[in-house]
Amino acid sequence: MNPVANYITSTVSKAYSTYAKRYIQMADVILYLVNRKSFSSMLNFTVSEIINQIENKQFSTKRPEMIYDFYRDFDVDIEGEILDLFDKNESNLEINNKISNLNSDSKNDLILLLAKWSSVAQWSCWDARLFLYVEPYLEKNVKNVDEFLEPELWHNFHHQMSIFDQRSFTESVVLDWMNRREKLGESMEPSEDPKILPTMNSHNELSKLLFNFIKKSSHPELELMIGRDYLDSESWYLGRNKISNF
């Protein structure tokens, strides 16, 4: 058996608790690949410059090109959130100050929106599924879903992916899922459970995109941003730093 196949076999057969047995509140963990140069230039804009460019339909020309096969927030959605943020905090914003120099309670929210604007790719899934897609390939078990928001975990995951190609990783994820279902006494027959094939296709597609996403995160022009649904902006990570540190 070749080293990769041997590693896959040992990984999917090791003992750990499945996400199906844990009490977890479902929420999406969201990853972005942020263009460093674009984000840096956004922080040098003043509030008034951003407002004028959005109103004059020029702001979208400043957005970096999206990576093929991935998705990200729509231009109009982020522009709308930025303008709404400005409207709600009009009395507290110094419109001629650069974004990086703002001293406002809304600064973290604005920086997060500008980081999303500067993204070239986005990947998300239920946090519970990361116990299938990510935890088995780490050197230690994940005890709490909040650990999936830590940059070090994703750095380690990226390192572990170096021995895989896309196909072997995706196949190992699907095989692991099948083994977990069998251990729980669940059928793998589509005739008995019509959700089998759609779920299998979902795991296959999401794990394939995750693999490609993590591989691209090593590009020197890109920075990984990590967050989750309903997470306060200051708690998101961009690279090794929280948004609140910018």
C-alpha atoms as a PDB file:
ATOM      1  CA  MET A   1       0.000   0.000   0.000  1.00  0.00           C
ATOM      2  CA  ASN A   2       1.433   3.400  -0.944  1.00  0.00           C
ATOM      3  CA  PRO A   3       2.050   6.006   1.807  1.00  0.00           C
ATOM      4  CA  VAL A   4      -0.967   8.135   0.891  1.00  0.00           C
ATOM      5  CA  ALA A   5      -3.364   5.181   0.855  1.00  0.00           C
ATOM      6  CA  ASN A   6      -1.903   3.910   4.118  1.00  0.00           C
ATOM      7  CA  TYR A   7      -2.360   7.315   5.722  1.00  0.00           C
ATOM      8  CA  ILE A   8      -5.971   7.533   4.535  1.00  0.00           C
ATOM      9  CA  THR A   9      -6.757   4.066   5.889  1.00  0.00           C
ATOM     10  CA  SER A  10      -5.292   4.801   9.315  1.00  0.00           C
ATOM     11  CA  THR A  11      -6.943   8.223   9.480  1.00  0.00           C
ATOM     12  CA  VAL A  12     -10.504   7.159   8.693  1.00  0.00           C
ATOM     13  CA  SER A  13     -10.316   4.136  11.000  1.00  0.00           C
ATOM     14  CA  LYS A  14      -8.946   5.870  14.106  1.00  0.00           C
ATOM     15  CA  ALA A  15     -11.244   6.257  17.086  1.00  0.00           C
ATOM     16  CA  TYR A  16     -12.895   9.601  17.718  1.00  0.00           C
ATOM     17  CA  SER A  17     -16.369  10.852  18.521  1.00  0.00           C
ATOM     18  CA  THR A  18     -18.537  11.586  15.520  1.00  0.00           C
ATOM     19  CA  TYR A  19     -20.314  14.856  15.133  1.00  0.00           C
ATOM     20  CA  ALA A  20     -23.582  12.897  15.075  1.00  0.00           C
ATOM     21  CA  LYS A  21     -23.041  12.037  18.747  1.00  0.00           C
ATOM     22  CA  ARG A  22     -22.257  15.576  19.901  1.00  0.00           C
ATOM     23  CA  TYR A  23     -24.550  18.375  20.974  1.00  0.00           C
ATOM     24  CA  ILE A  24     -23.797  21.131  18.504  1.00  0.00           C
ATOM     25  CA  GLN A  25     -25.686  24.265  17.557  1.00  0.00           C
ATOM     26  CA  MET A  26     -25.707  24.384  13.780  1.00  0.00           C
ATOM     27  CA  ALA A  27     -24.031  27.440  12.267  1.00  0.00           C
ATOM     28  CA  ASP A  28     -21.927  28.048   9.211  1.00  0.00           C
ATOM     29  CA  VAL A  29     -18.183  28.446   9.606  1.00  0.00           C
ATOM     30  CA  ILE A  30     -17.135  30.825   6.837  1.00  0.00           C
ATOM     31  CA  LEU A  31     -13.705  31.097   5.244  1.00  0.00           C
ATOM     32  CA  TYR A  32     -12.554  33.847   2.895  1.00  0.00           C
ATOM     33  CA  LEU A  33      -9.405  34.337   0.862  1.00  0.00           C
ATOM     34  CA  VAL A  34      -8.653  38.063   1.078  1.00  0.00           C
ATOM     35  CA  ASN A  35      -6.444  39.848  -1.407  1.00  0.00           C
ATOM     36  CA  ARG A  36      -3.828  41.609   0.747  1.00  0.00           C
ATOM     37  CA  LYS A  37      -3.173  44.463  -1.679  1.00  0.00           C
ATOM     38  CA  SER A  38      -6.853  45.209  -2.201  1.00  0.00           C
ATOM     39  CA  PHE A  39      -7.607  45.156   1.515  1.00  0.00           C
ATOM     40  CA  SER A  40      -4.675  47.426   2.298  1.00  0.00           C
ATOM     41  CA  SER A  41      -5.864  49.942  -0.294  1.00  0.00           C
ATOM     42  CA  MET A  42      -9.389  49.860   1.201  1.00  0.00           C
ATOM     43  CA  LEU A  43      -8.030  50.891   4.597  1.00  0.00           C
ATOM     44  CA  ASN A  44      -6.430  53.957   2.998  1.00  0.00           C
ATOM     45  CA  PHE A  45      -9.740  55.266   1.682  1.00  0.00           C
ATOM     46  CA  THR A  46     -11.662  57.871   3.628  1.00  0.00           C
ATOM     47  CA  VAL A  47     -15.320  57.359   4.495  1.00  0.00           C
ATOM     48  CA  SER A  48     -16.363  60.080   2.043  1.00  0.00           C
ATOM     49  CA  GLU A  49     -14.336  58.508  -0.779  1.00  0.00           C
ATOM     50  CA  ILE A  50     -16.038  55.140  -0.298  1.00  0.00           C
ATOM     51  CA  ILE A  51     -19.493  56.729  -0.200  1.00  0.00           C
ATOM     52  CA  ASN A  52     -18.823  58.721  -3.390  1.00  0.00           C
ATOM     53  CA  GLN A  53     -17.466  55.699  -5.250  1.00  0.00           C
ATOM     54  CA  ILE A  54     -20.416  53.527  -4.298  1.00  0.00           C
ATOM     55  CA  GLU A  55     -22.933  56.211  -5.264  1.00  0.00           C
ATOM     56  CA  ASN A  56     -21.137  56.830  -8.587  1.00  0.00           C
ATOM     57  CA  LYS A  57     -20.976  53.076  -9.396  1.00  0.00           C
ATOM     58  CA  GLN A  58     -17.173  53.129  -9.320  1.00  0.00           C
ATOM     59  CA  PHE A  59     -16.532  51.064  -6.220  1.00  0.00           C
ATOM     60  CA  SER A  60     -17.048  47.707  -7.964  1.00  0.00           C
ATOM     61  CA  THR A  61     -14.098  48.432 -10.268  1.00  0.00           C
ATOM     62  CA  LYS A  62     -11.846  48.305  -7.190  1.00  0.00           C
ATOM     63  CA  ARG A  63     -12.812  44.740  -6.321  1.00  0.00           C
ATOM     64  CA  PRO A  64     -10.301  41.954  -7.123  1.00  0.00           C
ATOM     65  CA  GLU A  65     -11.341  39.242  -9.570  1.00  0.00           C
ATOM     66  CA  MET A  66     -12.999  36.176  -8.066  1.00  0.00           C
ATOM     67  CA  ILE A  67     -11.301  32.774  -8.352  1.00  0.00           C
ATOM     68  CA  TYR A  68     -13.098  30.488 -10.789  1.00  0.00           C
ATOM     69  CA  ASP A  69     -15.289  27.733  -9.259  1.00  0.00           C
ATOM     70  CA  PHE A  70     -15.778  29.641  -6.005  1.00  0.00           C
ATOM     71  CA  TYR A  71     -18.337  32.198  -4.876  1.00  0.00           C
ATOM     72  CA  ARG A  72     -18.379  35.257  -2.636  1.00  0.00           C
ATOM     73  CA  ASP A  73     -20.807  37.912  -1.410  1.00  0.00           C
ATOM     74  CA  PHE A  74     -22.455  39.947  -4.164  1.00  0.00           C
ATOM     75  CA  ASP A  75     -21.140  43.471  -4.796  1.00  0.00           C
ATOM     76  CA  VAL A  76     -24.535  45.073  -4.254  1.00  0.00           C
ATOM     77  CA  ASP A  77     -25.050  43.293  -0.914  1.00  0.00           C
ATOM     78  CA  ILE A  78     -21.768  44.509   0.578  1.00  0.00           C
ATOM     79  CA  GLU A  79     -22.207  48.004  -0.841  1.00  0.00           C
ATOM     80  CA  GLY A  80     -25.658  48.142   0.739  1.00  0.00           C
ATOM     81  CA  GLU A  81     -24.313  47.004   4.116  1.00  0.00           C
ATOM     82  CA  ILE A  82     -21.530  49.604   3.984  1.00  0.00           C
ATOM     83  CA  LEU A  83     -23.935  52.453   3.204  1.00  0.00           C
ATOM     84  CA  ASP A  84     -26.345  51.235   5.878  1.00  0.00           C
ATOM     85  CA  LEU A  85     -23.497  51.178   8.403  1.00  0.00           C
ATOM     86  CA  PHE A  86     -22.525  54.734   7.465  1.00  0.00           C
ATOM     87  CA  ASP A  87     -26.136  55.916   7.797  1.00  0.00           C
ATOM     88  CA  LYS A  88     -26.567  54.379  11.241  1.00  0.00           C
ATOM     89  CA  ASN A  89     -23.283  55.838  12.534  1.00  0.00           C
ATOM     90  CA  GLU A  90     -23.262  59.147  10.672  1.00  0.00           C
ATOM     91  CA  SER A  91     -22.869  61.234  13.840  1.00  0.00           C
ATOM     92  CA  ASN A  92     -19.869  59.179  15.042  1.00  0.00           C
ATOM     93  CA  LEU A  93     -17.917  58.929  11.795  1.00  0.00           C
ATOM     94  CA  GLU A  94     -15.216  61.352  10.741  1.00  0.00           C
ATOM     95  CA  ILE A  95     -15.854  61.236   7.007  1.00  0.00           C
ATOM     96  CA  ASN A  96     -12.474  62.700   6.025  1.00  0.00           C
ATOM     97  CA  ASN A  97     -10.476  60.223   8.093  1.00  0.00           C
ATOM     98  CA  LYS A  98      -8.902  57.144   6.568  1.00  0.00           C
ATOM     99  CA  ILE A  99     -10.626  53.903   7.536  1.00  0.00           C
ATOM    100  CA  SER A 100      -7.462  52.741   9.320  1.00  0.00           C
ATOM    101  CA  ASN A 101      -7.542  55.866  11.513  1.00  0.00           C
ATOM    102  CA  LEU A 102     -11.191  55.766  12.519  1.00  0.00           C
ATOM    103  CA  ASN A 103     -12.051  55.806  16.189  1.00  0.00           C
ATOM    104  CA  SER A 104     -15.598  54.511  16.122  1.00  0.00           C
ATOM    105  CA  ASP A 105     -17.616  51.626  17.540  1.00  0.00           C
ATOM    106  CA  SER A 106     -18.507  50.672  13.969  1.00  0.00           C
ATOM    107  CA  LYS A 107     -14.875  50.409  12.810  1.00  0.00           C
ATOM    108  CA  ASN A 108     -14.689  46.613  13.267  1.00  0.00           C
ATOM    109  CA  ASP A 109     -17.915  46.089  11.301  1.00  0.00           C
ATOM    110  CA  LEU A 110     -16.594  48.280   8.501  1.00  0.00           C
ATOM    111  CA  ILE A 111     -13.213  46.549   8.359  1.00  0.00           C
ATOM    112  CA  LEU A 112     -14.930  43.153   8.162  1.00  0.00           C
ATOM    113  CA  LEU A 113     -17.092  44.356   5.261  1.00  0.00           C
ATOM    114  CA  LEU A 114     -14.045  45.739   3.444  1.00  0.00           C
ATOM    115  CA  ALA A 115     -12.200  42.456   3.966  1.00  0.00           C
ATOM    116  CA  LYS A 116     -15.172  40.601   2.451  1.00  0.00           C
ATOM    117  CA  TRP A 117     -15.130  43.090  -0.406  1.00  0.00           C
ATOM    118  CA  SER A 118     -11.432  42.319  -0.961  1.00  0.00           C
ATOM    119  CA  SER A 119     -12.004  38.556  -1.021  1.00  0.00           C
ATOM    120  CA  VAL A 120     -11.468  36.412  -4.107  1.00  0.00           C
ATOM    121  CA  ALA A 121     -13.090  33.218  -2.780  1.00  0.00           C
ATOM    122  CA  GLN A 122     -15.404  32.031  -0.027  1.00  0.00           C
ATOM    123  CA  TRP A 123     -16.133  28.594   1.433  1.00  0.00           C
ATOM    124  CA  SER A 124     -18.650  27.726   4.137  1.00  0.00           C
ATOM    125  CA  CYS A 125     -20.439  24.784   5.699  1.00  0.00           C
ATOM    126  CA  TRP A 126     -22.158  23.738   8.920  1.00  0.00           C
ATOM    127  CA  ASP A 127     -19.643  23.725  11.738  1.00  0.00           C
ATOM    128  CA  ALA A 128     -20.694  20.143  12.604  1.00  0.00           C
ATOM    129  CA  ARG A 129     -19.522  18.915   9.209  1.00  0.00           C
ATOM    130  CA  LEU A 130     -15.988  20.079   9.995  1.00  0.00           C
ATOM    131  CA  PHE A 131     -15.749  17.112  12.352  1.00  0.00           C
ATOM    132  CA  LEU A 132     -15.903  15.063   9.151  1.00  0.00           C
ATOM    133  CA  TYR A 133     -13.945  17.280   6.749  1.00  0.00           C
ATOM    134  CA  VAL A 134     -11.206  18.612   9.012  1.00  0.00           C
ATOM    135  CA  GLU A 135     -10.865  16.963  12.439  1.00  0.00           C
ATOM    136  CA  PRO A 136      -9.775  13.490  11.203  1.00  0.00           C
ATOM    137  CA  TYR A 137      -6.744  15.015   9.485  1.00  0.00           C
ATOM    138  CA  LEU A 138      -5.469  16.966  12.483  1.00  0.00           C
ATOM    139  CA  GLU A 139      -2.936  15.731  15.005  1.00  0.00           C
ATOM    140  CA  LYS A 140      -5.398  16.107  17.876  1.00  0.00           C
ATOM    141  CA  ASN A 141      -9.144  15.898  18.384  1.00  0.00           C
ATOM    142  CA  VAL A 142     -11.307  19.014  18.337  1.00  0.00           C
ATOM    143  CA  LYS A 143     -13.194  19.361  21.609  1.00  0.00           C
ATOM    144  CA  ASN A 144     -15.293  22.423  20.798  1.00  0.00           C
ATOM    145  CA  VAL A 145     -16.592  23.921  17.558  1.00  0.00           C
ATOM    146  CA  ASP A 146     -15.008  27.251  18.536  1.00  0.00           C
ATOM    147  CA  GLU A 147     -11.617  25.691  17.786  1.00  0.00           C
ATOM    148  CA  PHE A 148     -12.559  25.813  14.095  1.00  0.00           C
ATOM    149  CA  LEU A 149     -12.264  29.605  14.344  1.00  0.00           C
ATOM    150  CA  GLU A 150      -8.579  29.487  15.279  1.00  0.00           C
ATOM    151  CA  PRO A 151      -5.940  30.244  12.606  1.00  0.00           C
ATOM    152  CA  GLU A 152      -3.528  27.645  14.018  1.00  0.00           C
ATOM    153  CA  LEU A 153      -6.015  24.839  13.373  1.00  0.00           C
ATOM    154  CA  TRP A 154      -6.321  25.804   9.711  1.00  0.00           C
ATOM    155  CA  HIS A 155      -2.550  26.195   9.429  1.00  0.00           C
ATOM    156  CA  ASN A 156      -2.166  22.627  10.695  1.00  0.00           C
ATOM    157  CA  PHE A 157      -4.901  21.386   8.374  1.00  0.00           C
ATOM    158  CA  HIS A 158      -3.144  23.010   5.410  1.00  0.00           C
ATOM    159  CA  HIS A 159       0.071  21.243   6.414  1.00  0.00           C
ATOM    160  CA  GLN A 160      -1.684  17.872   6.608  1.00  0.00           C
ATOM    161  CA  MET A 161      -3.200  18.347   3.167  1.00  0.00           C
ATOM    162  CA  SER A 162       0.277  18.438   1.623  1.00  0.00           C
ATOM    163  CA  ILE A 163       0.329  14.632   1.312  1.00  0.00           C
ATOM    164  CA  PHE A 164      -3.031  14.446  -0.438  1.00  0.00           C
ATOM    165  CA  ASP A 165      -4.278  15.135  -3.905  1.00  0.00           C
ATOM    166  CA  GLN A 166      -7.853  16.301  -4.414  1.00  0.00           C
ATOM    167  CA  ARG A 167      -9.252  12.907  -5.342  1.00  0.00           C
ATOM    168  CA  SER A 168      -7.712  10.969  -2.456  1.00  0.00           C
ATOM    169  CA  PHE A 169      -8.898  13.553   0.078  1.00  0.00           C
ATOM    170  CA  THR A 170     -12.462  13.628  -1.247  1.00  0.00           C
ATOM    171  CA  GLU A 171     -12.644   9.843  -1.380  1.00  0.00           C
ATOM    172  CA  SER A 172     -11.380   9.573   2.204  1.00  0.00           C
ATOM    173  CA  VAL A 173     -14.067  12.011   3.413  1.00  0.00           C
ATOM    174  CA  VAL A 174     -16.870  10.086   1.692  1.00  0.00           C
ATOM    175  CA  LEU A 175     -15.523   6.737   2.911  1.00  0.00           C
ATOM    176  CA  ASP A 176     -15.358   8.087   6.467  1.00  0.00           C
ATOM    177  CA  TRP A 177     -18.949   9.316   6.240  1.00  0.00           C
ATOM    178  CA  MET A 178     -20.107   5.888   5.002  1.00  0.00           C
ATOM    179  CA  ASN A 179     -18.271   4.135   7.842  1.00  0.00           C
ATOM    180  CA  ARG A 180     -19.836   6.445  10.423  1.00  0.00           C
ATOM    181  CA  ARG A 181     -23.334   5.761   9.093  1.00  0.00           C
ATOM    182  CA  GLU A 182     -22.754   2.011   9.206  1.00  0.00           C
ATOM    183  CA  LYS A 183     -21.518   2.222  12.819  1.00  0.00           C
ATOM    184  CA  LEU A 184     -24.728   4.036  13.707  1.00  0.00           C
ATOM    185  CA  GLY A 185     -26.747   1.279  12.046  1.00  0.00           C
ATOM    186  CA  GLU A 186     -27.901   3.514   9.199  1.00  0.00           C
ATOM    187  CA  SER A 187     -28.588   2.092   5.756  1.00  0.00           C
ATOM    188  CA  MET A 188     -26.497   2.991   2.730  1.00  0.00           C
ATOM    189  CA  GLU A 189     -29.174   1.832   0.294  1.00  0.00           C
ATOM    190  CA  PRO A 190     -30.713   4.702  -1.729  1.00  0.00           C
ATOM    191  CA  SER A 191     -33.949   2.722  -1.961  1.00  0.00           C
ATOM    192  CA  GLU A 192     -34.244   2.840   1.839  1.00  0.00           C
ATOM    193  CA  ASP A 193     -33.083   6.431   2.308  1.00  0.00           C
ATOM    194  CA  PRO A 194     -33.621   8.874  -0.604  1.00  0.00           C
ATOM    195  CA  LYS A 195     -31.221  11.363   1.029  1.00  0.00           C
ATOM    196  CA  ILE A 196     -28.194   9.072   0.614  1.00  0.00           C
ATOM    197  CA  LEU A 197     -27.124  10.150  -2.865  1.00  0.00           C
ATOM    198  CA  PRO A 198     -27.753  13.913  -2.393  1.00  0.00           C
ATOM    199  CA  THR A 199     -25.822  13.827   0.878  1.00  0.00           C
ATOM    200  CA  MET A 200     -22.959  11.893  -0.693  1.00  0.00           C
ATOM    201  CA  ASN A 201     -22.813  14.371  -3.563  1.00  0.00           C
ATOM    202  CA  SER A 202     -22.815  17.237  -1.072  1.00  0.00           C
ATOM    203  CA  HIS A 203     -19.885  15.783   0.896  1.00  0.00           C
ATOM    204  CA  ASN A 204     -18.029  15.124  -2.335  1.00  0.00           C
ATOM    205  CA  GLU A 205     -18.497  18.657  -3.674  1.00  0.00           C
ATOM    206  CA  LEU A 206     -17.847  20.495  -0.398  1.00  0.00           C
ATOM    207  CA  SER A 207     -14.701  18.502   0.400  1.00  0.00           C
ATOM    208  CA  LYS A 208     -13.388  19.047  -3.135  1.00  0.00           C
ATOM    209  CA  LEU A 209     -13.897  22.800  -2.843  1.00  0.00           C
ATOM    210  CA  LEU A 210     -12.366  22.834   0.634  1.00  0.00           C
ATOM    211  CA  PHE A 211      -9.251  21.071  -0.615  1.00  0.00           C
ATOM    212  CA  ASN A 212      -8.831  23.530  -3.499  1.00  0.00           C
ATOM    213  CA  PHE A 213      -9.569  26.474  -1.190  1.00  0.00           C
ATOM    214  CA  ILE A 214      -6.949  25.441   1.373  1.00  0.00           C
ATOM    215  CA  LYS A 215      -4.355  24.863  -1.322  1.00  0.00           C
ATOM    216  CA  LYS A 216      -4.919  28.375  -2.683  1.00  0.00           C
ATOM    217  CA  SER A 217      -4.645  29.879   0.807  1.00  0.00           C
ATOM    218  CA  SER A 218      -0.855  29.492   0.617  1.00  0.00           C
ATOM    219  CA  HIS A 219      -0.647  32.055  -2.182  1.00  0.00           C
ATOM    220  CA  PRO A 220       1.484  34.991  -0.960  1.00  0.00           C
ATOM    221  CA  GLU A 221      -1.057  37.567  -2.151  1.00  0.00           C
ATOM    222  CA  LEU A 222      -3.891  35.993  -0.160  1.00  0.00           C
ATOM    223  CA  GLU A 223      -4.806  35.978   3.528  1.00  0.00           C
ATOM    224  CA  LEU A 224      -7.187  33.520   5.183  1.00  0.00           C
ATOM    225  CA  MET A 225     -10.129  35.069   7.052  1.00  0.00           C
ATOM    226  CA  ILE A 226     -12.118  32.922   9.480  1.00  0.00           C
ATOM    227  CA  GLY A 227     -15.533  33.560  11.009  1.00  0.00           C
ATOM    228  CA  ARG A 228     -18.991  32.173  11.606  1.00  0.00           C
ATOM    229  CA  ASP A 229     -22.639  33.133  11.305  1.00  0.00           C
ATOM    230  CA  TYR A 230     -23.706  35.594  14.004  1.00  0.00           C
ATOM    231  CA  LEU A 231     -20.110  36.103  15.196  1.00  0.00           C
ATOM    232  CA  ASP A 232     -19.263  39.664  16.251  1.00  0.00           C
ATOM    233  CA  SER A 233     -16.971  41.369  13.756  1.00  0.00           C
ATOM    234  CA  GLU A 234     -14.173  41.904  16.294  1.00  0.00           C
ATOM    235  CA  SER A 235     -13.916  38.136  16.821  1.00  0.00           C
ATOM    236  CA  TRP A 236     -13.220  37.271  13.173  1.00  0.00           C
ATOM    237  CA  TYR A 237      -9.629  36.416  12.294  1.00  0.00           C
ATOM    238  CA  LEU A 238      -7.810  37.849   9.298  1.00  0.00           C
ATOM    239  CA  GLY A 239      -4.524  36.030   9.088  1.00  0.00           C
ATOM    240  CA  ARG A 240      -3.167  35.635  12.617  1.00  0.00           C
ATOM    241  CA  ASN A 241      -4.890  38.760  13.934  1.00  0.00           C
ATOM    242  CA  LYS A 242      -8.435  39.458  15.045  1.00  0.00           C
ATOM    243  CA  ILE A 243     -10.324  42.173  13.185  1.00  0.00           C
ATOM    244  CA  SER A 244     -10.313  44.180  16.405  1.00  0.00           C
ATOM    245  CA  ASN A 245      -6.519  44.516  16.133  1.00  0.00           C
ATOM    246  CA  PHE A 246      -6.619  46.399  12.833  1.00  0.00           C
END
